[in-house]
C-alpha atoms as a PDB file:
ATOM      1  CA  MET A   1     -46.838  14.271  -1.200  1.00  0.00           C
ATOM      2  CA  THR A   2     -43.457  13.807   0.477  1.00  0.00           C
ATOM      3  CA  ASP A   3     -40.123  14.193  -1.203  1.00  0.00           C
ATOM      4  CA  THR A   4     -38.660  10.761  -0.715  1.00  0.00           C
ATOM      5  CA  PRO A   5     -35.307  10.303  -2.394  1.00  0.00           C
ATOM      6  CA  SER A   6     -35.234   7.812  -5.212  1.00  0.00           C
ATOM      7  CA  PHE A   7     -32.641   5.092  -5.462  1.00  0.00           C
ATOM      8  CA  GLU A   8     -30.621   7.094  -8.000  1.00  0.00           C
ATOM      9  CA  ASP A   9     -30.579  10.112  -5.679  1.00  0.00           C
ATOM     10  CA  TRP A  10     -29.381   7.943  -2.807  1.00  0.00           C
ATOM     11  CA  LEU A  11     -26.797   6.148  -4.940  1.00  0.00           C
ATOM     12  CA  TYR A  12     -25.223   9.271  -6.406  1.00  0.00           C
ATOM     13  CA  THR A  13     -25.287  11.634  -3.455  1.00  0.00           C
ATOM     14  CA  PRO A  14     -22.356  14.025  -3.493  1.00  0.00           C
ATOM     15  CA  VAL A  15     -19.664  13.075  -1.018  1.00  0.00           C
ATOM     16  CA  GLU A  16     -17.482  15.654   0.637  1.00  0.00           C
ATOM     17  CA  GLN A  17     -13.922  15.109  -0.495  1.00  0.00           C
ATOM     18  CA  PRO A  18     -11.229  14.959   2.192  1.00  0.00           C
ATOM     19  CA  ARG A  19      -8.922  17.903   2.436  1.00  0.00           C
ATOM     20  CA  GLU A  20      -5.551  17.411   0.872  1.00  0.00           C
ATOM     21  CA  ASN A  21      -2.811  17.608   3.472  1.00  0.00           C
ATOM     22  CA  LYS A  22       0.735  18.237   2.398  1.00  0.00           C
ATOM     23  CA  LEU A  23       3.193  15.853   4.006  1.00  0.00           C
ATOM     24  CA  ARG A  24       6.528  17.175   5.077  1.00  0.00           C
ATOM     25  CA  LEU A  25       9.216  14.572   4.680  1.00  0.00           C
ATOM     26  CA  LYS A  26      12.798  14.883   5.794  1.00  0.00           C
ATOM     27  CA  HIS A  27      15.635  13.633   3.659  1.00  0.00           C
ATOM     28  CA  LEU A  28      17.288  10.514   4.981  1.00  0.00           C
ATOM     29  CA  LYS A  29      20.898  10.663   6.127  1.00  0.00           C
ATOM     30  CA  GLN A  30      21.549   7.127   4.918  1.00  0.00           C
ATOM     31  CA  PRO A  31      19.860   5.231   2.105  1.00  0.00           C
ATOM     32  CA  ILE A  32      17.322   2.628   3.155  1.00  0.00           C
ATOM     33  CA  TRP A  33      18.375   0.078   0.552  1.00  0.00           C
ATOM     34  CA  THR A  34      21.889  -1.165   1.136  1.00  0.00           C
ATOM     35  CA  GLU A  35      24.000  -3.933  -0.331  1.00  0.00           C
ATOM     36  CA  ASN A  36      23.667  -6.001   2.843  1.00  0.00           C
ATOM     37  CA  LYS A  37      19.879  -5.857   2.711  1.00  0.00           C
ATOM     38  CA  ALA A  38      19.897  -6.765  -0.966  1.00  0.00           C
ATOM     39  CA  ARG A  39      22.184  -9.739  -0.287  1.00  0.00           C
ATOM     40  CA  PHE A  40      20.010 -10.844   2.642  1.00  0.00           C
ATOM     41  CA  ILE A  41      16.852 -10.753   0.538  1.00  0.00           C
ATOM     42  CA  GLN A  42      18.595 -12.596  -2.292  1.00  0.00           C
ATOM     43  CA  ARG A  43      19.662 -15.411   0.053  1.00  0.00           C
ATOM     44  CA  TYR A  44      16.216 -15.501   1.674  1.00  0.00           C
ATOM     45  CA  LEU A  45      14.464 -15.858  -1.680  1.00  0.00           C
ATOM     46  CA  TYR A  46      16.927 -18.532  -2.808  1.00  0.00           C
ATOM     47  CA  SER A  47      16.346 -20.499   0.398  1.00  0.00           C
ATOM     48  CA  PHE A  48      12.584 -20.062   0.120  1.00  0.00           C
ATOM     49  CA  VAL A  49      12.572 -21.433  -3.422  1.00  0.00           C
ATOM     50  CA  MET A  50      14.772 -24.377  -2.413  1.00  0.00           C
ATOM     51  CA  VAL A  51      12.527 -25.290   0.523  1.00  0.00           C
ATOM     52  CA  THR A  52       9.275 -24.933  -1.392  1.00  0.00           C
ATOM     53  CA  LYS A  53      10.629 -26.806  -4.413  1.00  0.00           C
ATOM     54  CA  HIS A  54      12.487 -29.632  -2.656  1.00  0.00           C
ATOM     55  CA  GLY A  55      10.874 -29.742   0.786  1.00  0.00           C
ATOM     56  CA  ALA A  56      12.379 -29.050   4.177  1.00  0.00           C
END
């Protein structure tokens, strides 16, 4: 008699977990989010809503 794995054995086989790597991040000299970017996104969203609501 051969030892054939059953469906449950195949379904729940242990999987090797990936090693946890520690990321080293540097602090930014300037913030990513600025007032100009916020204003740009605000105008973009306003324009997008106007175009999609009223047409081009």
